Amino acid sequence: MMLTPARRESANDGPTSWQQLPHGIWMQQQLSHVFAPYSAKIFGYYLARVGHLAKELELPELRVRHQFSAAQHGESNILAELEYWPFAENALDAVVMIGQLEFERDPHQVLREMSRSLIADGYLLIAGFNPYSPSVVTGCWPGNTKQPPWSGRYFSKARITDWLSLLNFEIMDAGYVAPTLLIARTTRADFGLAGITRFIPQLNSMYYIVARKREFPLTVMRVKKRMKPQMNGLPIANRVK
């Protein structure tokens, strides 16, 4: 499968709340459950919730003194373009970003800015919409193509993991969550996918990644002395005896 360029000319508007998505509240609960073990390990002074979905995500075990939301528009504590992140280097202890890279003009640059603002060993919690889920087909229905989340540009978990590895992030955990077809008319959110995703988790509607920023120290390596070759026993041209 050919990969399309990550950068595009303009950004799209992402979802402004979980209620905007079919079975959104249920999806929010699914993500809160998988992030809970790691949110209990996060502590410090500052945590940024990037995007409106991250703002509403419940993480009650967090031990961070100050939490704030950041988005390009809407109701947020800070309004800013994510490509020009208005935070100093090594200023944040953790960043939570849910369903936001899909709607950015340059997701590479956004991740670079998140990495720059994180302290060493800081946490980055990311979740996005899975391009291999059957819920993508629901976006082909009339009226859905221009609605979030289908109006975004999906990236696979493996692709995001590669980007994070280039930024010296260590992947602590990654997987798939929320088995739903994103059909609002179904009474059960996991209708049609509840059983099959137990064996094929890649069909879930969302992926999640827990990563930590690492700064590897440079160490001096000892270079072994190169042994000089023994020339006495070798025939040499024009050698004078």
Protein backbone atom coordinates (compact mmCIF):
# COMPACT_ATOMS: atom_id res chain seq x y z
CA MET A 1 0.00 0.00 0.00
CA MET A 2 1.39 3.41 -0.97
CA LEU A 3 1.67 5.99 1.77
CA THR A 4 0.26 9.41 1.01
CA PRO A 5 2.30 12.46 2.07
CA ALA A 6 1.56 13.46 5.64
CA ARG A 7 1.63 17.18 4.91
CA ARG A 8 -1.17 18.94 3.07
CA GLU A 9 -2.13 22.48 2.13
CA SER A 10 -4.69 23.16 4.85
CA ALA A 11 -6.07 21.68 8.03
CA ASN A 12 -9.58 20.40 8.66
CA ASP A 13 -11.76 21.01 11.68
CA GLY A 14 -11.68 18.12 14.10
CA PRO A 15 -14.46 17.00 16.45
CA THR A 16 -15.34 19.52 19.13
CA SER A 17 -16.66 16.97 21.63
CA TRP A 18 -17.16 13.25 22.12
CA GLN A 19 -20.92 13.75 21.72
CA GLN A 20 -20.29 14.72 18.12
CA LEU A 21 -19.15 11.17 17.33
CA PRO A 22 -21.51 8.17 17.11
CA HIS A 23 -21.30 6.40 20.50
CA GLY A 24 -18.69 8.98 21.46
CA ILE A 25 -19.18 8.77 25.22
CA TRP A 26 -18.67 5.01 25.06
CA MET A 27 -15.45 5.51 23.07
CA GLN A 28 -14.27 8.03 25.65
CA GLN A 29 -14.78 5.48 28.42
CA GLN A 30 -12.86 2.86 26.45
CA LEU A 31 -9.84 5.15 26.11
CA SER A 32 -9.97 6.24 29.74
CA HIS A 33 -9.81 2.58 30.74
CA VAL A 34 -6.68 1.75 28.70
CA PHE A 35 -4.87 4.95 29.75
CA ALA A 36 -5.73 4.59 33.45
CA PRO A 37 -2.70 2.43 34.44
CA TYR A 38 -0.30 4.95 32.91
CA SER A 39 -2.08 8.10 34.07
CA ALA A 40 -1.45 6.93 37.64
CA LYS A 41 2.31 7.05 36.91
CA ILE A 42 2.29 10.60 35.55
CA PHE A 43 3.18 13.32 38.03
CA GLY A 44 4.68 16.78 37.88
CA TYR A 45 3.63 20.38 37.42
CA TYR A 46 2.15 20.84 33.94
CA LEU A 47 0.08 18.66 31.61
CA ALA A 48 -1.33 19.82 28.25
CA ARG A 49 -4.51 18.34 26.80
CA VAL A 50 -4.29 18.92 23.05
CA GLY A 51 -7.61 19.10 21.21
CA HIS A 52 -11.19 19.03 22.41
CA LEU A 53 -11.39 15.25 22.80
CA ALA A 54 -8.34 15.22 25.07
CA LYS A 55 -9.88 18.02 27.11
CA GLU A 56 -12.91 15.86 27.95
CA LEU A 57 -11.01 12.61 28.53
CA GLU A 58 -11.36 11.42 32.13
CA LEU A 59 -8.04 10.55 33.77
CA PRO A 60 -8.76 10.73 37.50
CA GLU A 61 -5.48 9.12 38.58
CA LEU A 62 -3.29 11.94 37.25
CA ARG A 63 -0.99 13.52 39.85
CA VAL A 64 -0.21 16.75 38.02
CA ARG A 65 -0.68 20.10 39.70
CA HIS A 66 -1.76 22.09 36.66
CA GLN A 67 -3.73 20.77 33.67
CA PHE A 68 -4.84 22.94 30.78
CA SER A 69 -6.40 22.46 27.35
CA ALA A 70 -5.01 23.78 24.08
CA ALA A 71 -6.69 23.99 20.67
CA GLN A 72 -6.81 26.20 17.61
CA HIS A 73 -10.40 27.28 18.19
CA GLY A 74 -13.36 26.76 20.47
CA GLU A 75 -13.48 26.68 24.24
CA SER A 76 -9.96 26.00 25.52
CA ASN A 77 -7.65 27.47 28.10
CA ILE A 78 -5.12 28.30 25.38
CA LEU A 79 -5.82 29.07 21.71
CA ALA A 80 -2.80 28.37 19.54
CA GLU A 81 -1.67 26.73 16.33
CA LEU A 82 -0.14 23.39 17.20
CA GLU A 83 2.59 23.76 14.58
CA TYR A 84 3.83 26.81 16.51
CA TRP A 85 3.50 25.46 20.04
CA PRO A 86 3.75 28.42 22.46
CA PHE A 87 5.65 26.59 25.20
CA ALA A 88 9.32 26.67 26.07
CA GLU A 89 11.63 23.71 25.68
CA ASN A 90 11.36 21.16 28.50
CA ALA A 91 8.35 22.95 30.00
CA LEU A 92 5.73 20.18 30.17
CA ASP A 93 5.64 16.94 32.13
CA ALA A 94 3.05 15.24 29.92
CA VAL A 95 0.93 15.75 26.81
CA VAL A 96 -2.37 14.05 25.97
CA MET A 97 -3.51 14.27 22.34
CA ILE A 98 -6.66 12.47 21.15
CA GLY A 99 -7.88 12.42 17.55
CA GLN A 100 -5.95 15.53 16.57
CA LEU A 101 -3.15 14.55 14.18
CA GLU A 102 -5.75 13.46 11.60
CA PHE A 103 -6.87 17.06 11.14
CA GLU A 104 -3.52 18.88 11.20
CA ARG A 105 -1.81 20.39 8.17
CA ASP A 106 1.62 19.08 9.16
CA PRO A 107 1.40 16.27 11.74
CA HIS A 108 5.20 15.80 11.65
CA GLN A 109 5.72 19.35 12.84
CA VAL A 110 3.06 18.97 15.54
CA LEU A 111 4.86 15.95 17.00
CA ARG A 112 8.17 17.79 16.87
CA GLU A 113 6.65 20.65 18.84
CA MET A 114 5.19 18.26 21.41
CA SER A 115 8.60 16.59 21.78
CA ARG A 116 10.39 19.92 22.16
CA SER A 117 8.15 21.08 24.99
CA LEU A 118 8.33 17.82 26.96
CA ILE A 119 10.89 17.25 29.70
CA ALA A 120 13.19 14.24 29.58
CA ASP A 121 11.19 11.10 30.43
CA GLY A 122 7.97 13.05 29.93
CA TYR A 123 4.87 11.14 28.84
CA LEU A 124 3.03 11.47 25.54
CA LEU A 125 -0.39 9.80 25.35
CA ILE A 126 -1.79 9.64 21.82
CA ALA A 127 -4.94 8.11 20.38
CA GLY A 128 -6.25 8.30 16.84
CA PHE A 129 -8.69 6.79 14.41
CA ASN A 130 -7.67 3.48 12.88
CA PRO A 131 -7.53 3.42 9.04
CA TYR A 132 -7.91 -0.38 9.00
CA SER A 133 -11.18 -0.43 10.92
CA PRO A 134 -14.49 -1.22 9.15
CA SER A 135 -15.77 2.06 10.61
CA VAL A 136 -13.93 3.80 7.74
CA VAL A 137 -16.56 2.42 5.35
CA THR A 138 -19.26 4.24 7.31
CA GLY A 139 -17.65 7.49 6.22
CA CYS A 140 -18.50 6.70 2.58
CA TRP A 141 -22.20 7.14 3.25
CA PRO A 142 -23.75 10.37 1.94
CA GLY A 143 -23.49 13.12 4.49
CA ASN A 144 -20.61 11.52 6.41
CA THR A 145 -17.64 12.30 4.17
CA LYS A 146 -17.31 15.86 5.42
CA GLN A 147 -18.11 15.06 9.04
CA PRO A 148 -15.54 14.19 11.72
CA PRO A 149 -13.94 11.79 12.24
CA TRP A 150 -14.20 10.73 8.57
CA SER A 151 -13.21 14.18 7.31
CA GLY A 152 -9.75 13.63 8.78
CA ARG A 153 -6.76 11.93 7.22
CA TYR A 154 -6.15 8.68 9.05
CA PHE A 155 -2.67 7.41 9.95
CA SER A 156 -1.89 3.87 11.07
CA LYS A 157 -0.52 3.08 14.50
CA ALA A 158 2.66 1.72 12.93
CA ARG A 159 3.25 4.98 11.06
CA ILE A 160 2.82 7.12 14.17
CA THR A 161 5.11 4.77 16.08
CA ASP A 162 7.82 5.26 13.44
CA TRP A 163 7.52 9.02 13.69
CA LEU A 164 7.84 8.88 17.47
CA SER A 165 10.89 6.61 17.25
CA LEU A 166 12.65 9.20 15.09
CA LEU A 167 12.03 11.72 17.87
CA ASN A 168 13.67 9.43 20.47
CA PHE A 169 10.43 8.33 22.10
CA GLU A 170 10.29 4.94 23.77
CA ILE A 171 6.98 3.16 23.18
CA MET A 172 5.74 1.92 26.54
CA ASP A 173 2.47 0.48 25.27
CA ALA A 174 0.37 0.51 22.11
CA GLY A 175 -2.77 -1.21 20.95
CA TYR A 176 -6.31 -0.88 19.67
CA VAL A 177 -9.53 0.02 21.43
CA ALA A 178 -13.23 0.80 20.87
CA PRO A 179 -14.73 -1.88 18.57
CA THR A 180 -17.46 0.13 16.90
CA LEU A 181 -18.69 0.74 13.36
CA LEU A 182 -19.54 4.37 14.23
CA ILE A 183 -23.18 3.88 13.29
CA ALA A 184 -25.38 6.01 15.51
CA ARG A 185 -28.56 4.00 14.80
CA THR A 186 -27.21 0.81 16.41
CA THR A 187 -28.35 0.24 19.99
CA ARG A 188 -25.01 -1.30 20.99
CA ALA A 189 -21.80 0.57 20.29
CA ASP A 190 -19.85 -2.63 19.62
CA PHE A 191 -22.49 -4.12 17.33
CA GLY A 192 -20.88 -6.34 14.69
CA LEU A 193 -17.33 -6.10 16.05
CA ALA A 194 -17.51 -7.22 19.68
CA GLY A 195 -16.54 -10.82 18.95
CA ILE A 196 -14.18 -10.52 16.01
CA THR A 197 -11.94 -7.86 17.60
CA ARG A 198 -10.98 -10.32 20.33
CA PHE A 199 -9.05 -12.22 17.68
CA ILE A 200 -8.30 -9.36 15.28
CA PRO A 201 -7.77 -6.24 17.43
CA GLN A 202 -6.59 -4.29 14.37
CA LEU A 203 -10.28 -3.86 13.44
CA ASN A 204 -11.00 -1.58 16.39
CA SER A 205 -11.98 1.97 15.52
CA MET A 206 -9.12 3.63 17.43
CA TYR A 207 -5.49 2.99 18.32
CA TYR A 208 -3.58 4.26 21.34
CA ILE A 209 0.10 4.84 22.08
CA VAL A 210 1.87 5.52 25.38
CA ALA A 211 5.37 6.91 24.84
CA ARG A 212 8.12 8.55 26.90
CA LYS A 213 10.68 11.04 25.66
CA ARG A 214 14.20 9.71 26.12
CA GLU A 215 17.50 11.58 26.02
CA PHE A 216 20.30 9.08 25.59
CA PRO A 217 23.68 10.32 26.93
CA LEU A 218 26.72 10.17 24.69
CA THR A 219 29.35 7.79 26.03
CA VAL A 220 32.99 7.55 25.02
CA MET A 221 33.77 4.24 23.36
CA ARG A 222 37.22 2.79 23.54
CA VAL A 223 38.77 2.08 20.16
CA LYS A 224 40.95 -0.98 20.00
CA LYS A 225 44.42 -0.46 18.60
CA ARG A 226 44.78 -1.84 15.13
CA MET A 227 47.51 -4.45 14.87
CA LYS A 228 50.15 -3.83 12.22
CA PRO A 229 50.28 -6.62 9.64
CA GLN A 230 53.33 -8.84 9.63
CA MET A 231 55.17 -8.18 6.38
CA ASN A 232 58.22 -10.38 6.84
CA GLY A 233 56.73 -13.55 5.43
CA LEU A 234 54.97 -11.88 2.47
CA PRO A 235 56.55 -11.62 -0.98
CA ILE A 236 57.07 -8.01 -2.01
CA ALA A 237 57.67 -6.83 -5.55
CA ASN A 238 61.11 -5.36 -6.33
CA ARG A 239 62.36 -6.31 -2.89
CA VAL A 240 66.14 -6.05 -2.60
CA LYS A 241 67.74 -8.87 -0.65
